[in-house]
Amino acid sequence: MTRVVEGSPADEAGIAAGDIIIALDDEPVRKIEKLLSEIHKRKAGEKVNLTVYREGFEYAITVTLAETP
C-alpha cells in the first residue's frame, strides 16, 4: 500500500503506508484487483481479517468496512 487515507477504515485499523496485504480472511491475495473485488462484495459494517507483511513480519489486522464515497 503506497498511502493510507487519514481517518479511513484502514487507518483506524492500523494499516500503514508500505504494508503489503498478503491475505484476506486467510485467502492469499496475489493481485490488487482480486482484493478490491472481494471487498466490494461485502457490506459496510462487516469485518474482514487482513494479513499484512510489514518490515519482515506478518501481522493480522481486523478492518471494519465502510461505505465507499
N, C-alpha and C. Protein backbone atom coordinates (compact mmCIF):
# COMPACT_ATOMS: atom_id res chain seq x y z
N MET A 1 0.86 -1.16 0.00
CA MET A 1 0.00 0.00 0.00
C MET A 1 0.91 1.22 0.00
N THR A 2 0.66 2.15 -0.90
CA THR A 2 1.54 3.30 -1.01
C THR A 2 1.15 4.42 -0.07
N ARG A 3 -0.14 4.53 0.23
CA ARG A 3 -0.57 5.53 1.20
C ARG A 3 -1.85 5.06 1.86
N VAL A 4 -2.11 5.62 3.03
CA VAL A 4 -3.33 5.30 3.76
C VAL A 4 -4.04 6.62 4.04
N VAL A 5 -5.29 6.71 3.67
CA VAL A 5 -6.06 7.94 3.86
C VAL A 5 -6.36 8.11 5.35
N GLU A 6 -6.01 9.27 5.88
CA GLU A 6 -6.24 9.56 7.29
C GLU A 6 -7.73 9.47 7.60
N GLY A 7 -8.06 8.75 8.67
CA GLY A 7 -9.45 8.58 9.10
C GLY A 7 -10.19 7.46 8.39
N SER A 8 -9.55 6.81 7.43
CA SER A 8 -10.20 5.72 6.70
C SER A 8 -10.24 4.47 7.59
N PRO A 9 -11.06 3.48 7.21
CA PRO A 9 -11.06 2.23 7.98
C PRO A 9 -9.68 1.59 8.06
N ALA A 10 -8.90 1.67 6.98
CA ALA A 10 -7.55 1.11 7.01
C ALA A 10 -6.69 1.83 8.04
N ASP A 11 -6.77 3.15 8.06
CA ASP A 11 -6.01 3.96 9.02
C ASP A 11 -6.43 3.62 10.44
N GLU A 12 -7.73 3.56 10.67
CA GLU A 12 -8.24 3.26 12.01
C GLU A 12 -7.85 1.86 12.48
N ALA A 13 -7.67 0.93 11.55
CA ALA A 13 -7.28 -0.44 11.90
C ALA A 13 -5.78 -0.59 12.12
N GLY A 14 -5.01 0.42 11.72
CA GLY A 14 -3.57 0.36 11.93
C GLY A 14 -2.75 -0.02 10.73
N ILE A 15 -3.37 -0.05 9.55
CA ILE A 15 -2.60 -0.32 8.34
C ILE A 15 -1.75 0.90 8.03
N ALA A 16 -0.51 0.67 7.65
CA ALA A 16 0.43 1.76 7.39
C ALA A 16 0.88 1.76 5.94
N ALA A 17 1.30 2.93 5.47
CA ALA A 17 1.88 3.02 4.13
C ALA A 17 3.06 2.07 4.07
N GLY A 18 3.16 1.32 3.00
CA GLY A 18 4.24 0.35 2.84
C GLY A 18 3.84 -1.07 3.22
N ASP A 19 2.72 -1.23 3.94
CA ASP A 19 2.24 -2.57 4.26
C ASP A 19 1.85 -3.29 2.96
N ILE A 20 2.08 -4.57 2.92
CA ILE A 20 1.70 -5.39 1.78
C ILE A 20 0.62 -6.35 2.26
N ILE A 21 -0.58 -6.26 1.70
CA ILE A 21 -1.67 -7.15 2.08
C ILE A 21 -1.46 -8.47 1.35
N ILE A 22 -1.28 -9.54 2.15
CA ILE A 22 -0.99 -10.84 1.56
C ILE A 22 -2.15 -11.83 1.69
N ALA A 23 -3.16 -11.50 2.52
CA ALA A 23 -4.30 -12.41 2.64
C ALA A 23 -5.52 -11.63 3.13
N LEU A 24 -6.69 -12.08 2.68
CA LEU A 24 -7.98 -11.57 3.11
C LEU A 24 -8.75 -12.76 3.64
N ASP A 25 -9.09 -12.72 4.92
CA ASP A 25 -9.80 -13.84 5.57
C ASP A 25 -9.11 -15.18 5.25
N ASP A 26 -7.82 -15.19 5.41
CA ASP A 26 -6.97 -16.38 5.24
C ASP A 26 -6.85 -16.88 3.80
N GLU A 27 -7.38 -16.13 2.84
CA GLU A 27 -7.22 -16.47 1.43
C GLU A 27 -6.11 -15.60 0.84
N PRO A 28 -5.10 -16.20 0.23
CA PRO A 28 -3.99 -15.41 -0.32
C PRO A 28 -4.47 -14.37 -1.33
N VAL A 29 -3.84 -13.21 -1.28
CA VAL A 29 -4.11 -12.13 -2.23
C VAL A 29 -2.88 -11.97 -3.10
N ARG A 30 -3.06 -12.17 -4.39
CA ARG A 30 -1.92 -12.06 -5.30
C ARG A 30 -2.01 -10.82 -6.19
N LYS A 31 -3.24 -10.30 -6.35
CA LYS A 31 -3.43 -9.12 -7.19
C LYS A 31 -4.38 -8.15 -6.49
N ILE A 32 -4.10 -6.88 -6.63
CA ILE A 32 -4.95 -5.85 -6.01
C ILE A 32 -6.38 -5.93 -6.53
N GLU A 33 -6.55 -6.28 -7.80
CA GLU A 33 -7.89 -6.36 -8.38
C GLU A 33 -8.73 -7.41 -7.64
N LYS A 34 -8.13 -8.52 -7.28
CA LYS A 34 -8.84 -9.58 -6.56
C LYS A 34 -9.23 -9.10 -5.15
N LEU A 35 -8.31 -8.41 -4.49
CA LEU A 35 -8.59 -7.87 -3.16
C LEU A 35 -9.77 -6.91 -3.23
N LEU A 36 -9.73 -5.97 -4.16
CA LEU A 36 -10.80 -4.99 -4.28
C LEU A 36 -12.12 -5.65 -4.64
N SER A 37 -12.09 -6.64 -5.52
CA SER A 37 -13.29 -7.37 -5.89
C SER A 37 -13.93 -8.04 -4.68
N GLU A 38 -13.13 -8.69 -3.89
CA GLU A 38 -13.65 -9.38 -2.69
C GLU A 38 -14.20 -8.39 -1.67
N ILE A 39 -13.54 -7.27 -1.49
CA ILE A 39 -14.01 -6.26 -0.53
C ILE A 39 -15.33 -5.66 -1.00
N HIS A 40 -15.46 -5.41 -2.31
CA HIS A 40 -16.68 -4.81 -2.83
C HIS A 40 -17.88 -5.75 -2.76
N LYS A 41 -17.66 -7.03 -2.57
CA LYS A 41 -18.75 -7.99 -2.41
C LYS A 41 -19.38 -7.91 -1.02
N ARG A 42 -18.73 -7.20 -0.12
CA ARG A 42 -19.17 -7.15 1.27
C ARG A 42 -19.87 -5.83 1.57
N LYS A 43 -20.51 -5.78 2.73
CA LYS A 43 -21.29 -4.61 3.11
C LYS A 43 -20.56 -3.77 4.15
N ALA A 44 -20.90 -2.50 4.18
CA ALA A 44 -20.37 -1.60 5.21
C ALA A 44 -20.74 -2.18 6.58
N GLY A 45 -19.80 -2.10 7.49
CA GLY A 45 -20.01 -2.64 8.83
C GLY A 45 -19.45 -4.03 9.02
N GLU A 46 -19.25 -4.77 7.92
CA GLU A 46 -18.65 -6.10 8.02
C GLU A 46 -17.18 -5.97 8.40
N LYS A 47 -16.69 -6.96 9.09
CA LYS A 47 -15.27 -7.01 9.45
C LYS A 47 -14.56 -8.00 8.53
N VAL A 48 -13.36 -7.63 8.11
CA VAL A 48 -12.52 -8.54 7.34
C VAL A 48 -11.19 -8.66 8.06
N ASN A 49 -10.59 -9.82 7.95
CA ASN A 49 -9.28 -10.06 8.54
C ASN A 49 -8.23 -10.02 7.45
N LEU A 50 -7.30 -9.10 7.60
CA LEU A 50 -6.22 -8.98 6.64
C LEU A 50 -4.93 -9.47 7.28
N THR A 51 -4.11 -10.10 6.47
CA THR A 51 -2.75 -10.41 6.88
C THR A 51 -1.86 -9.48 6.08
N VAL A 52 -1.05 -8.71 6.79
CA VAL A 52 -0.16 -7.77 6.12
C VAL A 52 1.28 -8.11 6.44
N TYR A 53 2.13 -7.81 5.49
CA TYR A 53 3.57 -8.00 5.64
C TYR A 53 4.17 -6.62 5.83
N ARG A 54 4.89 -6.46 6.96
CA ARG A 54 5.50 -5.17 7.29
C ARG A 54 6.88 -5.40 7.90
N GLU A 55 7.89 -4.87 7.24
CA GLU A 55 9.25 -4.89 7.76
C GLU A 55 9.70 -6.28 8.20
N GLY A 56 9.39 -7.29 7.39
CA GLY A 56 9.85 -8.64 7.65
C GLY A 56 8.95 -9.49 8.53
N PHE A 57 7.82 -8.94 8.95
CA PHE A 57 6.91 -9.68 9.82
C PHE A 57 5.50 -9.67 9.24
N GLU A 58 4.71 -10.68 9.59
CA GLU A 58 3.31 -10.74 9.22
C GLU A 58 2.46 -10.35 10.42
N TYR A 59 1.43 -9.55 10.14
CA TYR A 59 0.52 -9.09 11.18
C TYR A 59 -0.91 -9.38 10.76
N ALA A 60 -1.74 -9.74 11.72
CA ALA A 60 -3.18 -9.92 11.48
C ALA A 60 -3.87 -8.62 11.91
N ILE A 61 -4.67 -8.07 11.01
CA ILE A 61 -5.37 -6.82 11.28
C ILE A 61 -6.83 -6.99 10.89
N THR A 62 -7.73 -6.61 11.79
CA THR A 62 -9.16 -6.65 11.50
C THR A 62 -9.60 -5.25 11.10
N VAL A 63 -10.30 -5.18 9.97
CA VAL A 63 -10.79 -3.90 9.45
C VAL A 63 -12.31 -3.96 9.35
N THR A 64 -12.97 -2.93 9.86
CA THR A 64 -14.41 -2.80 9.70
C THR A 64 -14.66 -1.95 8.46
N LEU A 65 -15.34 -2.54 7.49
CA LEU A 65 -15.57 -1.86 6.22
C LEU A 65 -16.54 -0.71 6.36
N ALA A 66 -16.37 0.30 5.50
CA ALA A 66 -17.24 1.47 5.49
C ALA A 66 -17.79 1.67 4.09
N GLU A 67 -18.78 2.54 3.98
CA GLU A 67 -19.33 2.89 2.66
C GLU A 67 -18.24 3.51 1.81
N THR A 68 -18.25 3.19 0.52
CA THR A 68 -17.33 3.82 -0.42
C THR A 68 -17.93 5.15 -0.83
N PRO A 69 -17.13 6.24 -0.71
CA PRO A 69 -17.68 7.56 -1.08
C PRO A 69 -17.98 7.67 -2.56
